Amino acid sequence: MTHILDRLSATIEARKGADPEKSYTASLLEDRGAKALAKVSEETGEFIHAVREESEDRVASEAADVLYHVLVALAARDVPASAVWAELEKREGTSGHEEKAGRSS
């Protein structure tokens, strides 16, 4: 069974060749994902507001919007979601402080 984020990522990839007039995802992929990046910023602000002020359902809804738009931005740059999953797996079990200290500047 595949994870919903993997299925969503595959759907986004499939939309790369779609008509931007007919596919919201395809319209976000234009111009190397410029519209997707703007949406990531907008949706992140809405997510933060929801966490601070709104119901758990709204928090989940806004988090889903952020994740979707991040996946579109990754696809626009031809970065597979699996690369993000691999990075998270690499960090698993490592203290966030240690991981951050180990990053090159």
Protein backbone atom coordinates (compact mmCIF):
# COMPACT_ATOMS: atom_id res chain seq x y z
CA MET A 1 0.00 0.00 0.00
CA THR A 2 1.40 3.38 -0.97
CA HIS A 3 1.21 6.39 1.27
CA ILE A 4 -1.17 9.23 0.35
CA LEU A 5 1.76 11.62 -0.08
CA ASP A 6 3.38 9.26 -2.58
CA ARG A 7 0.09 8.97 -4.49
CA LEU A 8 -0.36 12.73 -4.43
CA SER A 9 3.20 13.23 -5.64
CA ALA A 10 2.57 10.83 -8.53
CA THR A 11 -0.61 12.71 -9.45
CA ILE A 12 1.29 16.00 -9.43
CA GLU A 13 3.96 14.49 -11.70
CA ALA A 14 1.24 13.30 -14.08
CA ARG A 15 -0.14 16.84 -14.28
CA LYS A 16 3.15 18.26 -15.58
CA GLY A 17 2.02 17.91 -19.16
CA ALA A 18 -1.57 18.99 -18.56
CA ASP A 19 -3.22 22.13 -19.86
CA PRO A 20 -2.83 24.87 -17.22
CA GLU A 21 -6.28 26.15 -18.19
CA LYS A 22 -7.78 22.81 -17.13
CA SER A 23 -5.49 21.74 -14.30
CA TYR A 24 -4.84 23.82 -11.19
CA THR A 25 -1.71 21.78 -10.53
CA ALA A 26 -0.39 22.38 -14.06
CA SER A 27 -0.97 26.11 -13.62
CA LEU A 28 1.11 26.04 -10.43
CA LEU A 29 3.94 24.25 -12.25
CA GLU A 30 4.41 27.03 -14.81
CA ASP A 31 7.50 29.25 -14.55
CA ARG A 32 9.43 26.70 -12.48
CA GLY A 33 6.71 26.71 -9.88
CA ALA A 34 6.61 30.47 -9.19
CA LYS A 35 2.89 30.27 -8.43
CA ALA A 36 3.44 27.21 -6.23
CA LEU A 37 6.07 29.08 -4.21
CA ALA A 38 3.69 31.98 -3.69
CA LYS A 39 1.05 29.49 -2.53
CA VAL A 40 3.52 27.81 -0.13
CA SER A 41 4.09 31.20 1.47
CA GLU A 42 0.38 32.04 1.61
CA GLU A 43 -0.68 28.64 2.92
CA THR A 44 2.09 28.61 5.52
CA GLY A 45 0.74 31.86 6.93
CA GLU A 46 -2.77 30.40 7.00
CA PHE A 47 -1.44 27.26 8.72
CA ILE A 48 0.30 29.34 11.39
CA HIS A 49 -2.88 31.32 11.98
CA ALA A 50 -4.91 28.11 12.23
CA VAL A 51 -2.50 26.62 14.78
CA ARG A 52 -2.77 29.74 16.91
CA GLU A 53 -6.44 30.54 16.56
CA GLU A 54 -8.57 27.83 14.95
CA SER A 55 -9.97 24.33 15.43
CA GLU A 56 -8.03 21.11 15.00
CA ASP A 57 -9.96 20.46 11.76
CA ARG A 58 -8.80 23.82 10.34
CA VAL A 59 -5.22 23.08 11.40
CA ALA A 60 -5.35 19.74 9.56
CA SER A 61 -6.91 21.36 6.50
CA GLU A 62 -4.28 24.10 6.32
CA ALA A 63 -1.48 21.57 6.89
CA ALA A 64 -2.82 19.57 3.93
CA ASP A 65 -2.74 22.73 1.80
CA VAL A 66 0.89 23.39 2.79
CA LEU A 67 1.95 19.82 2.02
CA TYR A 68 0.23 19.84 -1.37
CA HIS A 69 1.85 23.10 -2.44
CA VAL A 70 5.29 21.99 -1.20
CA LEU A 71 4.95 18.82 -3.29
CA VAL A 72 4.05 20.93 -6.33
CA ALA A 73 7.08 23.17 -5.75
CA LEU A 74 9.31 20.08 -5.50
CA ALA A 75 7.88 18.73 -8.75
CA ALA A 76 8.50 22.07 -10.46
CA ARG A 77 12.18 21.69 -9.57
CA ASP A 78 12.20 17.98 -10.52
CA VAL A 79 13.01 17.00 -6.93
CA PRO A 80 11.19 13.74 -6.22
CA ALA A 81 9.28 13.51 -2.97
CA SER A 82 11.26 10.33 -2.32
CA ALA A 83 14.37 12.51 -1.92
CA VAL A 84 12.64 14.32 0.95
CA TRP A 85 11.54 11.02 2.51
CA ALA A 86 15.16 9.76 2.24
CA GLU A 87 16.44 12.91 3.93
CA LEU A 88 13.94 12.48 6.76
CA GLU A 89 14.92 8.82 7.16
CA LYS A 90 18.58 9.84 7.28
CA ARG A 91 17.78 12.24 10.12
CA GLU A 92 15.56 9.82 12.02
CA GLY A 93 16.91 9.11 15.49
CA THR A 94 19.24 12.10 15.40
CA SER A 95 18.78 14.98 17.78
CA GLY A 96 17.58 18.10 15.99
CA HIS A 97 20.37 20.03 17.70
CA GLU A 98 22.97 17.54 16.43
CA GLU A 99 21.53 17.50 12.93
CA LYS A 100 21.52 21.30 12.71
CA ALA A 101 25.06 21.56 14.09
CA GLY A 102 26.24 19.05 11.46
CA ARG A 103 24.96 21.05 8.48
CA SER A 104 27.56 22.79 6.37
CA SER A 105 27.19 26.56 6.10
